Amino acid sequence: MKNLTNFKAIDNISALNEFNNITEILKMKSHNLSYLSLGIKDYVTNNGATIIPNQDWKKIVEKQRLYLYDPIFVAATITKNNYLFFSRFNYNTSTEKKILVERKNMEMQKGFIKIIHFKTFRLAFTFSTNYSKFNEIDFITKYHEKLMKFEQRSSSIINKFLI
């Protein structure tokens, strides 16, 4: 599998509003989550798109082209796994260390990505926080039903804005 050819952040206000409504399912703050996003990678065209609700983070992603350099972002576009855990990544280079500082500033240092693989595309749901006691496995186990409902509701956005 190769890295993304093209990447775009969705600027459509309707998509952002609909996504924000769907995130209410998880009642983010009550579960120590500070950030959720949705990405898609088309296997046929090798293009990617994402809904990034945090506009400050969106600017950083686009300006610094993090989709090319952030180990978590890159892994989400090429892995065959269903989950990626932020705690399993090392940031060794100076560029990666800068990215880690940006993630910390945006309250996105800990978390996980849930990836759903389809025949021609993949979806990646990012759940993140800076909560020091956040445990990805405990969260997934405890809130499995809410996560499934969140994924199902997100299909409306996928069909309208990403595919």
N, C-alpha and C. Protein backbone atom coordinates (compact mmCIF):
# COMPACT_ATOMS: atom_id res chain seq x y z
N MET A 1 0.83 -1.17 0.00
CA MET A 1 0.00 0.00 0.00
C MET A 1 0.88 1.24 0.00
N LYS A 2 0.43 2.25 -0.69
CA LYS A 2 1.23 3.46 -0.74
C LYS A 2 0.51 4.62 -0.07
N ASN A 3 1.28 5.65 0.20
CA ASN A 3 0.78 6.84 0.85
C ASN A 3 -0.22 7.58 -0.04
N LEU A 4 -0.93 8.53 0.52
CA LEU A 4 -1.92 9.29 -0.24
C LEU A 4 -1.29 10.06 -1.39
N THR A 5 -2.01 10.11 -2.51
CA THR A 5 -1.62 10.94 -3.64
C THR A 5 -2.11 12.37 -3.41
N ASN A 6 -3.36 12.51 -3.04
CA ASN A 6 -3.97 13.81 -2.77
C ASN A 6 -4.76 13.73 -1.48
N PHE A 7 -4.87 14.86 -0.81
CA PHE A 7 -5.60 14.93 0.44
C PHE A 7 -6.34 16.26 0.50
N LYS A 8 -7.55 16.24 1.03
CA LYS A 8 -8.27 17.50 1.22
C LYS A 8 -9.09 17.44 2.50
N ALA A 9 -9.17 18.58 3.14
CA ALA A 9 -10.03 18.73 4.31
C ALA A 9 -11.35 19.28 3.82
N ILE A 10 -12.43 18.69 4.27
CA ILE A 10 -13.76 19.09 3.86
C ILE A 10 -14.12 20.42 4.53
N ASP A 11 -14.45 21.43 3.74
CA ASP A 11 -14.82 22.74 4.26
C ASP A 11 -16.33 22.97 4.29
N ASN A 12 -17.08 22.02 3.82
CA ASN A 12 -18.53 22.14 3.72
C ASN A 12 -19.14 22.31 5.12
N ILE A 13 -19.79 23.44 5.36
CA ILE A 13 -20.38 23.75 6.66
C ILE A 13 -21.45 22.73 7.03
N SER A 14 -22.23 22.29 6.08
CA SER A 14 -23.27 21.29 6.37
C SER A 14 -22.65 19.99 6.88
N ALA A 15 -21.55 19.58 6.27
CA ALA A 15 -20.87 18.35 6.70
C ALA A 15 -20.34 18.51 8.11
N LEU A 16 -19.72 19.65 8.39
CA LEU A 16 -19.19 19.90 9.73
C LEU A 16 -20.29 19.92 10.78
N ASN A 17 -21.41 20.59 10.46
CA ASN A 17 -22.53 20.65 11.40
C ASN A 17 -23.12 19.27 11.65
N GLU A 18 -23.29 18.50 10.58
CA GLU A 18 -23.86 17.16 10.74
C GLU A 18 -22.92 16.28 11.56
N PHE A 19 -21.63 16.38 11.30
CA PHE A 19 -20.65 15.61 12.06
C PHE A 19 -20.67 16.01 13.54
N ASN A 20 -20.74 17.30 13.82
CA ASN A 20 -20.80 17.76 15.21
C ASN A 20 -22.04 17.24 15.91
N ASN A 21 -23.16 17.15 15.20
CA ASN A 21 -24.38 16.59 15.79
C ASN A 21 -24.19 15.12 16.11
N ILE A 22 -23.55 14.40 15.23
CA ILE A 22 -23.32 12.97 15.44
C ILE A 22 -22.39 12.73 16.63
N THR A 23 -21.42 13.60 16.82
CA THR A 23 -20.48 13.41 17.93
C THR A 23 -21.17 13.53 19.28
N GLU A 24 -22.35 14.12 19.31
CA GLU A 24 -23.10 14.21 20.57
C GLU A 24 -23.45 12.83 21.11
N ILE A 25 -23.49 11.82 20.24
CA ILE A 25 -23.76 10.45 20.68
C ILE A 25 -22.77 10.06 21.78
N LEU A 26 -21.54 10.48 21.60
CA LEU A 26 -20.49 10.10 22.55
C LEU A 26 -20.38 11.05 23.73
N LYS A 27 -21.06 12.19 23.65
CA LYS A 27 -20.94 13.19 24.72
C LYS A 27 -19.48 13.31 25.13
N MET A 28 -18.71 13.79 24.19
CA MET A 28 -17.26 13.75 24.24
C MET A 28 -16.64 14.11 25.58
N LYS A 29 -16.97 15.25 26.12
CA LYS A 29 -16.30 15.71 27.34
C LYS A 29 -16.54 14.78 28.52
N SER A 30 -17.71 14.16 28.58
CA SER A 30 -17.99 13.27 29.70
C SER A 30 -17.18 11.98 29.61
N HIS A 31 -16.60 11.71 28.47
CA HIS A 31 -15.75 10.52 28.30
C HIS A 31 -14.29 10.91 28.11
N ASN A 32 -13.96 12.15 28.46
CA ASN A 32 -12.60 12.67 28.38
C ASN A 32 -12.05 12.77 26.95
N LEU A 33 -12.92 12.78 25.97
CA LEU A 33 -12.48 12.98 24.59
C LEU A 33 -12.49 14.47 24.27
N SER A 34 -11.47 14.92 23.59
CA SER A 34 -11.43 16.34 23.21
C SER A 34 -11.55 16.51 21.71
N TYR A 35 -11.42 15.42 20.95
CA TYR A 35 -11.39 15.57 19.50
C TYR A 35 -11.87 14.30 18.81
N LEU A 36 -12.69 14.49 17.79
CA LEU A 36 -13.13 13.40 16.91
C LEU A 36 -13.00 13.89 15.47
N SER A 37 -12.62 12.99 14.58
CA SER A 37 -12.63 13.34 13.15
C SER A 37 -12.95 12.09 12.34
N LEU A 38 -13.24 12.30 11.08
CA LEU A 38 -13.59 11.23 10.16
C LEU A 38 -12.80 11.41 8.89
N GLY A 39 -12.12 10.35 8.47
CA GLY A 39 -11.37 10.40 7.22
C GLY A 39 -11.72 9.24 6.33
N ILE A 40 -11.45 9.40 5.06
CA ILE A 40 -11.69 8.35 4.08
C ILE A 40 -10.52 8.30 3.11
N LYS A 41 -10.17 7.08 2.72
CA LYS A 41 -9.17 6.91 1.68
C LYS A 41 -9.77 6.04 0.59
N ASP A 42 -9.73 6.54 -0.62
CA ASP A 42 -10.22 5.83 -1.79
C ASP A 42 -9.07 4.99 -2.34
N TYR A 43 -9.23 3.67 -2.37
CA TYR A 43 -8.17 2.79 -2.86
C TYR A 43 -7.96 2.92 -4.36
N VAL A 44 -9.00 3.25 -5.08
CA VAL A 44 -8.92 3.33 -6.54
C VAL A 44 -8.09 4.54 -6.97
N THR A 45 -8.40 5.71 -6.41
CA THR A 45 -7.70 6.94 -6.81
C THR A 45 -6.51 7.27 -5.90
N ASN A 46 -6.45 6.59 -4.76
CA ASN A 46 -5.43 6.85 -3.73
C ASN A 46 -5.55 8.26 -3.15
N ASN A 47 -6.76 8.81 -3.18
CA ASN A 47 -7.02 10.13 -2.61
C ASN A 47 -7.65 9.99 -1.24
N GLY A 48 -7.48 11.02 -0.42
CA GLY A 48 -8.08 11.02 0.90
C GLY A 48 -8.80 12.32 1.17
N ALA A 49 -9.77 12.24 2.05
CA ALA A 49 -10.51 13.43 2.48
C ALA A 49 -10.85 13.23 3.95
N THR A 50 -11.03 14.33 4.66
CA THR A 50 -11.36 14.24 6.07
C THR A 50 -12.23 15.39 6.52
N ILE A 51 -13.00 15.14 7.55
CA ILE A 51 -13.73 16.18 8.23
C ILE A 51 -12.95 16.47 9.50
N ILE A 52 -12.41 17.67 9.59
CA ILE A 52 -11.63 18.10 10.75
C ILE A 52 -12.40 19.24 11.42
N PRO A 53 -13.15 18.92 12.48
CA PRO A 53 -13.97 19.95 13.12
C PRO A 53 -13.18 21.10 13.74
N ASN A 54 -11.99 20.84 14.23
CA ASN A 54 -11.18 21.87 14.86
C ASN A 54 -10.43 22.65 13.77
N GLN A 55 -10.85 23.89 13.55
CA GLN A 55 -10.27 24.67 12.45
C GLN A 55 -8.80 25.00 12.66
N ASP A 56 -8.37 25.16 13.90
CA ASP A 56 -6.95 25.40 14.16
C ASP A 56 -6.11 24.19 13.75
N TRP A 57 -6.60 23.01 14.10
CA TRP A 57 -5.89 21.78 13.72
C TRP A 57 -5.92 21.59 12.21
N LYS A 58 -7.05 21.91 11.59
CA LYS A 58 -7.16 21.81 10.13
C LYS A 58 -6.09 22.66 9.45
N LYS A 59 -5.89 23.88 9.94
CA LYS A 59 -4.87 24.76 9.36
C LYS A 59 -3.47 24.16 9.51
N ILE A 60 -3.20 23.59 10.67
CA ILE A 60 -1.89 22.97 10.92
C ILE A 60 -1.69 21.78 9.98
N VAL A 61 -2.71 20.93 9.86
CA VAL A 61 -2.62 19.75 8.99
C VAL A 61 -2.32 20.17 7.55
N GLU A 62 -3.05 21.17 7.07
CA GLU A 62 -2.87 21.60 5.69
C GLU A 62 -1.53 22.33 5.49
N LYS A 63 -1.21 23.24 6.38
CA LYS A 63 0.01 24.04 6.22
C LYS A 63 1.27 23.17 6.32
N GLN A 64 1.30 22.29 7.31
CA GLN A 64 2.48 21.46 7.52
C GLN A 64 2.42 20.13 6.77
N ARG A 65 1.33 19.91 6.06
CA ARG A 65 1.13 18.67 5.29
C ARG A 65 1.36 17.43 6.17
N LEU A 66 0.71 17.45 7.32
CA LEU A 66 0.89 16.36 8.28
C LEU A 66 0.51 15.01 7.73
N TYR A 67 -0.37 14.99 6.77
CA TYR A 67 -0.77 13.71 6.16
C TYR A 67 0.41 13.00 5.52
N LEU A 68 1.52 13.70 5.32
CA LEU A 68 2.72 13.09 4.77
C LEU A 68 3.74 12.72 5.85
N TYR A 69 3.68 13.37 7.03
CA TYR A 69 4.75 13.24 8.01
C TYR A 69 4.35 12.69 9.38
N ASP A 70 3.10 12.84 9.76
CA ASP A 70 2.68 12.38 11.07
C ASP A 70 2.57 10.85 11.03
N PRO A 71 3.33 10.14 11.88
CA PRO A 71 3.29 8.68 11.85
C PRO A 71 1.89 8.10 12.03
N ILE A 72 1.07 8.74 12.86
CA ILE A 72 -0.29 8.24 13.08
C ILE A 72 -1.13 8.44 11.82
N PHE A 73 -1.05 9.62 11.24
CA PHE A 73 -1.81 9.93 10.03
C PHE A 73 -1.41 8.99 8.89
N VAL A 74 -0.12 8.83 8.70
CA VAL A 74 0.38 7.96 7.63
C VAL A 74 -0.06 6.52 7.85
N ALA A 75 0.08 6.03 9.07
CA ALA A 75 -0.31 4.65 9.37
C ALA A 75 -1.79 4.41 9.11
N ALA A 76 -2.62 5.40 9.41
CA ALA A 76 -4.06 5.26 9.20
C ALA A 76 -4.41 5.09 7.72
N THR A 77 -3.56 5.58 6.84
CA THR A 77 -3.86 5.46 5.40
C THR A 77 -3.30 4.17 4.79
N ILE A 78 -2.43 3.46 5.52
CA ILE A 78 -1.83 2.26 4.91
C ILE A 78 -2.02 0.97 5.69
N THR A 79 -2.43 1.04 6.94
CA THR A 79 -2.51 -0.17 7.76
C THR A 79 -3.64 -1.09 7.33
N LYS A 80 -3.47 -2.36 7.65
CA LYS A 80 -4.53 -3.34 7.43
C LYS A 80 -5.24 -3.64 8.75
N ASN A 81 -4.75 -3.03 9.83
CA ASN A 81 -5.35 -3.22 11.15
C ASN A 81 -6.68 -2.46 11.26
N ASN A 82 -7.46 -2.84 12.25
CA ASN A 82 -8.73 -2.16 12.49
C ASN A 82 -8.61 -1.05 13.53
N TYR A 83 -7.55 -1.07 14.31
CA TYR A 83 -7.31 -0.04 15.31
C TYR A 83 -5.85 0.38 15.28
N LEU A 84 -5.62 1.66 15.51
CA LEU A 84 -4.28 2.21 15.74
C LEU A 84 -4.34 2.94 17.07
N PHE A 85 -3.40 2.64 17.95
CA PHE A 85 -3.35 3.25 19.27
C PHE A 85 -2.20 4.24 19.32
N PHE A 86 -2.51 5.48 19.66
CA PHE A 86 -1.50 6.54 19.70
C PHE A 86 -0.32 6.15 20.60
N SER A 87 -0.61 5.43 21.68
CA SER A 87 0.43 5.07 22.65
C SER A 87 1.50 4.16 22.05
N ARG A 88 1.24 3.59 20.91
CA ARG A 88 2.19 2.65 20.31
C ARG A 88 3.13 3.32 19.30
N PHE A 89 2.99 4.63 19.14
CA PHE A 89 3.81 5.34 18.16
C PHE A 89 4.96 6.08 18.84
N ASN A 90 6.11 6.06 18.18
CA ASN A 90 7.27 6.83 18.62
C ASN A 90 7.46 8.01 17.68
N TYR A 91 7.83 9.12 18.26
CA TYR A 91 8.13 10.32 17.49
C TYR A 91 9.61 10.59 17.67
N ASN A 92 10.42 10.17 16.70
CA ASN A 92 11.88 10.22 16.85
C ASN A 92 12.55 11.39 16.15
N THR A 93 12.09 11.73 14.96
CA THR A 93 12.75 12.80 14.21
C THR A 93 12.31 14.15 14.73
N SER A 94 13.04 15.18 14.37
CA SER A 94 12.66 16.53 14.83
C SER A 94 11.29 16.93 14.29
N THR A 95 10.98 16.54 13.06
CA THR A 95 9.67 16.84 12.48
C THR A 95 8.57 16.14 13.27
N GLU A 96 8.79 14.87 13.59
CA GLU A 96 7.79 14.12 14.35
C GLU A 96 7.61 14.69 15.75
N LYS A 97 8.69 15.16 16.37
CA LYS A 97 8.59 15.76 17.70
C LYS A 97 7.80 17.06 17.66
N LYS A 98 7.94 17.83 16.58
CA LYS A 98 7.15 19.05 16.41
C LYS A 98 5.66 18.70 16.27
N ILE A 99 5.40 17.63 15.54
CA ILE A 99 4.01 17.18 15.36
C ILE A 99 3.42 16.77 16.70
N LEU A 100 4.21 16.07 17.51
CA LEU A 100 3.73 15.66 18.83
C LEU A 100 3.40 16.86 19.70
N VAL A 101 4.21 17.90 19.63
CA VAL A 101 3.93 19.14 20.37
C VAL A 101 2.62 19.74 19.89
N GLU A 102 2.41 19.77 18.57
CA GLU A 102 1.15 20.30 18.01
C GLU A 102 -0.04 19.48 18.50
N ARG A 103 0.10 18.15 18.50
CA ARG A 103 -0.97 17.28 18.99
C ARG A 103 -1.29 17.58 20.45
N LYS A 104 -0.24 17.77 21.25
CA LYS A 104 -0.45 18.06 22.67
C LYS A 104 -1.16 19.40 22.83
N ASN A 105 -0.76 20.41 22.08
CA ASN A 105 -1.39 21.72 22.14
C ASN A 105 -2.87 21.67 21.75
N MET A 106 -3.22 20.76 20.85
CA MET A 106 -4.59 20.63 20.38
C MET A 106 -5.39 19.60 21.19
N GLU A 107 -4.80 19.12 22.30
CA GLU A 107 -5.42 18.11 23.16
C GLU A 107 -5.69 16.81 22.40
N MET A 108 -4.69 16.38 21.63
CA MET A 108 -4.84 15.17 20.82
C MET A 108 -3.62 14.26 20.94
N GLN A 109 -3.05 14.20 22.11
CA GLN A 109 -1.83 13.43 22.30
C GLN A 109 -2.11 11.94 22.51
N LYS A 110 -3.22 11.60 23.11
CA LYS A 110 -3.59 10.21 23.37
C LYS A 110 -4.85 9.88 22.60
N GLY A 111 -5.03 8.60 22.31
CA GLY A 111 -6.25 8.21 21.64
C GLY A 111 -6.06 7.03 20.72
N PHE A 112 -7.00 6.89 19.80
CA PHE A 112 -6.94 5.76 18.87
C PHE A 112 -7.69 6.12 17.58
N ILE A 113 -7.44 5.33 16.57
CA ILE A 113 -8.17 5.45 15.31
C ILE A 113 -8.83 4.11 15.05
N LYS A 114 -10.12 4.14 14.81
CA LYS A 114 -10.89 2.95 14.43
C LYS A 114 -10.99 2.98 12.91
N ILE A 115 -10.54 1.92 12.27
CA ILE A 115 -10.52 1.86 10.81
C ILE A 115 -11.47 0.77 10.34
N ILE A 116 -12.30 1.12 9.38
CA ILE A 116 -13.22 0.16 8.78
C ILE A 116 -12.81 0.02 7.31
N HIS A 117 -12.52 -1.20 6.91
CA HIS A 117 -12.05 -1.47 5.56
C HIS A 117 -13.20 -1.97 4.69
N PHE A 118 -13.33 -1.37 3.52
CA PHE A 118 -14.28 -1.81 2.51
C PHE A 118 -13.49 -2.20 1.26
N LYS A 119 -14.18 -2.68 0.27
CA LYS A 119 -13.48 -3.15 -0.94
C LYS A 119 -12.71 -2.02 -1.64
N THR A 120 -13.32 -0.85 -1.78
CA THR A 120 -12.69 0.22 -2.54
C THR A 120 -12.27 1.43 -1.71
N PHE A 121 -12.56 1.42 -0.42
CA PHE A 121 -12.17 2.55 0.42
C PHE A 121 -12.08 2.12 1.88
N ARG A 122 -11.51 2.99 2.68
CA ARG A 122 -11.45 2.78 4.13
C ARG A 122 -11.92 4.04 4.84
N LEU A 123 -12.53 3.83 6.00
CA LEU A 123 -12.93 4.94 6.86
C LEU A 123 -12.06 4.91 8.10
N ALA A 124 -11.70 6.09 8.57
CA ALA A 124 -10.89 6.18 9.78
C ALA A 124 -11.54 7.19 10.72
N PHE A 125 -11.91 6.73 11.89
CA PHE A 125 -12.51 7.57 12.92
C PHE A 125 -11.45 7.82 13.98
N THR A 126 -11.09 9.07 14.20
CA THR A 126 -10.07 9.42 15.18
C THR A 126 -10.74 9.91 16.47
N PHE A 127 -10.32 9.34 17.58
CA PHE A 127 -10.79 9.70 18.90
C PHE A 127 -9.57 10.08 19.72
N SER A 128 -9.50 11.31 20.22
CA SER A 128 -8.29 11.69 20.95
C SER A 128 -8.55 12.62 22.13
N THR A 129 -7.51 12.74 22.96
CA THR A 129 -7.59 13.48 24.22
C THR A 129 -6.18 13.75 24.74
N ASN A 130 -6.08 14.56 25.74
CA ASN A 130 -4.84 14.72 26.50
C ASN A 130 -5.02 14.20 27.93
N TYR A 131 -6.17 13.60 28.22
CA TYR A 131 -6.45 13.08 29.55
C TYR A 131 -5.37 12.06 29.92
N SER A 132 -4.67 12.32 31.00
CA SER A 132 -3.48 11.52 31.36
C SER A 132 -3.79 10.05 31.65
N LYS A 133 -4.99 9.76 32.11
CA LYS A 133 -5.32 8.37 32.45
C LYS A 133 -6.13 7.67 31.36
N PHE A 134 -6.18 8.27 30.17
CA PHE A 134 -6.95 7.67 29.08
C PHE A 134 -6.32 6.33 28.68
N ASN A 135 -7.15 5.30 28.59
CA ASN A 135 -6.70 3.97 28.17
C ASN A 135 -7.56 3.55 26.98
N GLU A 136 -6.93 3.39 25.83
CA GLU A 136 -7.66 3.10 24.59
C GLU A 136 -8.49 1.83 24.69
N ILE A 137 -7.90 0.76 25.19
CA ILE A 137 -8.59 -0.53 25.26
C ILE A 137 -9.79 -0.45 26.20
N ASP A 138 -9.59 0.17 27.37
CA ASP A 138 -10.71 0.32 28.31
C ASP A 138 -11.84 1.13 27.68
N PHE A 139 -11.49 2.20 26.98
CA PHE A 139 -12.50 3.04 26.36
C PHE A 139 -13.30 2.25 25.31
N ILE A 140 -12.59 1.55 24.43
CA ILE A 140 -13.25 0.78 23.37
C ILE A 140 -14.15 -0.29 23.96
N THR A 141 -13.69 -0.96 24.99
CA THR A 141 -14.49 -2.01 25.64
C THR A 141 -15.72 -1.43 26.32
N LYS A 142 -15.52 -0.36 27.06
CA LYS A 142 -16.62 0.23 27.83
C LYS A 142 -17.69 0.88 26.96
N TYR A 143 -17.26 1.51 25.85
CA TYR A 143 -18.20 2.27 25.02
C TYR A 143 -18.42 1.66 23.64
N HIS A 144 -18.28 0.36 23.56
CA HIS A 144 -18.41 -0.33 22.28
C HIS A 144 -19.73 -0.01 21.57
N GLU A 145 -20.83 -0.07 22.31
CA GLU A 145 -22.14 0.18 21.69
C GLU A 145 -22.26 1.61 21.17
N LYS A 146 -21.78 2.58 21.94
CA LYS A 146 -21.82 3.97 21.49
C LYS A 146 -20.93 4.18 20.27
N LEU A 147 -19.79 3.52 20.24
CA LEU A 147 -18.91 3.62 19.08
C LEU A 147 -19.57 3.05 17.83
N MET A 148 -20.26 1.94 17.98
CA MET A 148 -20.96 1.34 16.84
C MET A 148 -22.06 2.27 16.34
N LYS A 149 -22.80 2.87 17.25
CA LYS A 149 -23.87 3.80 16.87
C LYS A 149 -23.28 5.02 16.17
N PHE A 150 -22.17 5.51 16.68
CA PHE A 150 -21.47 6.64 16.06
C PHE A 150 -21.06 6.30 14.63
N GLU A 151 -20.48 5.12 14.42
CA GLU A 151 -20.07 4.69 13.08
C GLU A 151 -21.27 4.60 12.14
N GLN A 152 -22.37 4.04 12.62
CA GLN A 152 -23.57 3.91 11.79
C GLN A 152 -24.13 5.27 11.40
N ARG A 153 -24.20 6.19 12.34
CA ARG A 153 -24.73 7.52 12.05
C ARG A 153 -23.81 8.29 11.11
N SER A 154 -22.53 8.01 11.16
CA SER A 154 -21.57 8.70 10.29
C SER A 154 -21.74 8.33 8.83
N SER A 155 -22.42 7.23 8.55
CA SER A 155 -22.60 6.82 7.15
C SER A 155 -23.35 7.87 6.35
N SER A 156 -24.23 8.64 7.00
CA SER A 156 -24.96 9.69 6.28
C SER A 156 -23.99 10.76 5.76
N ILE A 157 -23.00 11.09 6.54
CA ILE A 157 -22.00 12.08 6.11
C ILE A 157 -21.16 11.51 4.98
N ILE A 158 -20.78 10.28 5.12
CA ILE A 158 -19.94 9.62 4.12
C ILE A 158 -20.64 9.65 2.76
N ASN A 159 -21.90 9.26 2.76
CA ASN A 159 -22.65 9.22 1.50
C ASN A 159 -22.87 10.60 0.91
N LYS A 160 -23.07 11.61 1.74
CA LYS A 160 -23.35 12.96 1.25
C LYS A 160 -22.11 13.73 0.82
N PHE A 161 -21.04 13.60 1.60
CA PHE A 161 -19.94 14.54 1.44
C PHE A 161 -18.59 13.93 1.05
N LEU A 162 -18.40 12.65 1.29
CA LEU A 162 -17.07 12.10 1.08
C LEU A 162 -16.96 11.16 -0.12
N ILE A 163 -18.04 10.52 -0.49
CA ILE A 163 -17.96 9.55 -1.60
C ILE A 163 -18.50 10.19 -2.87
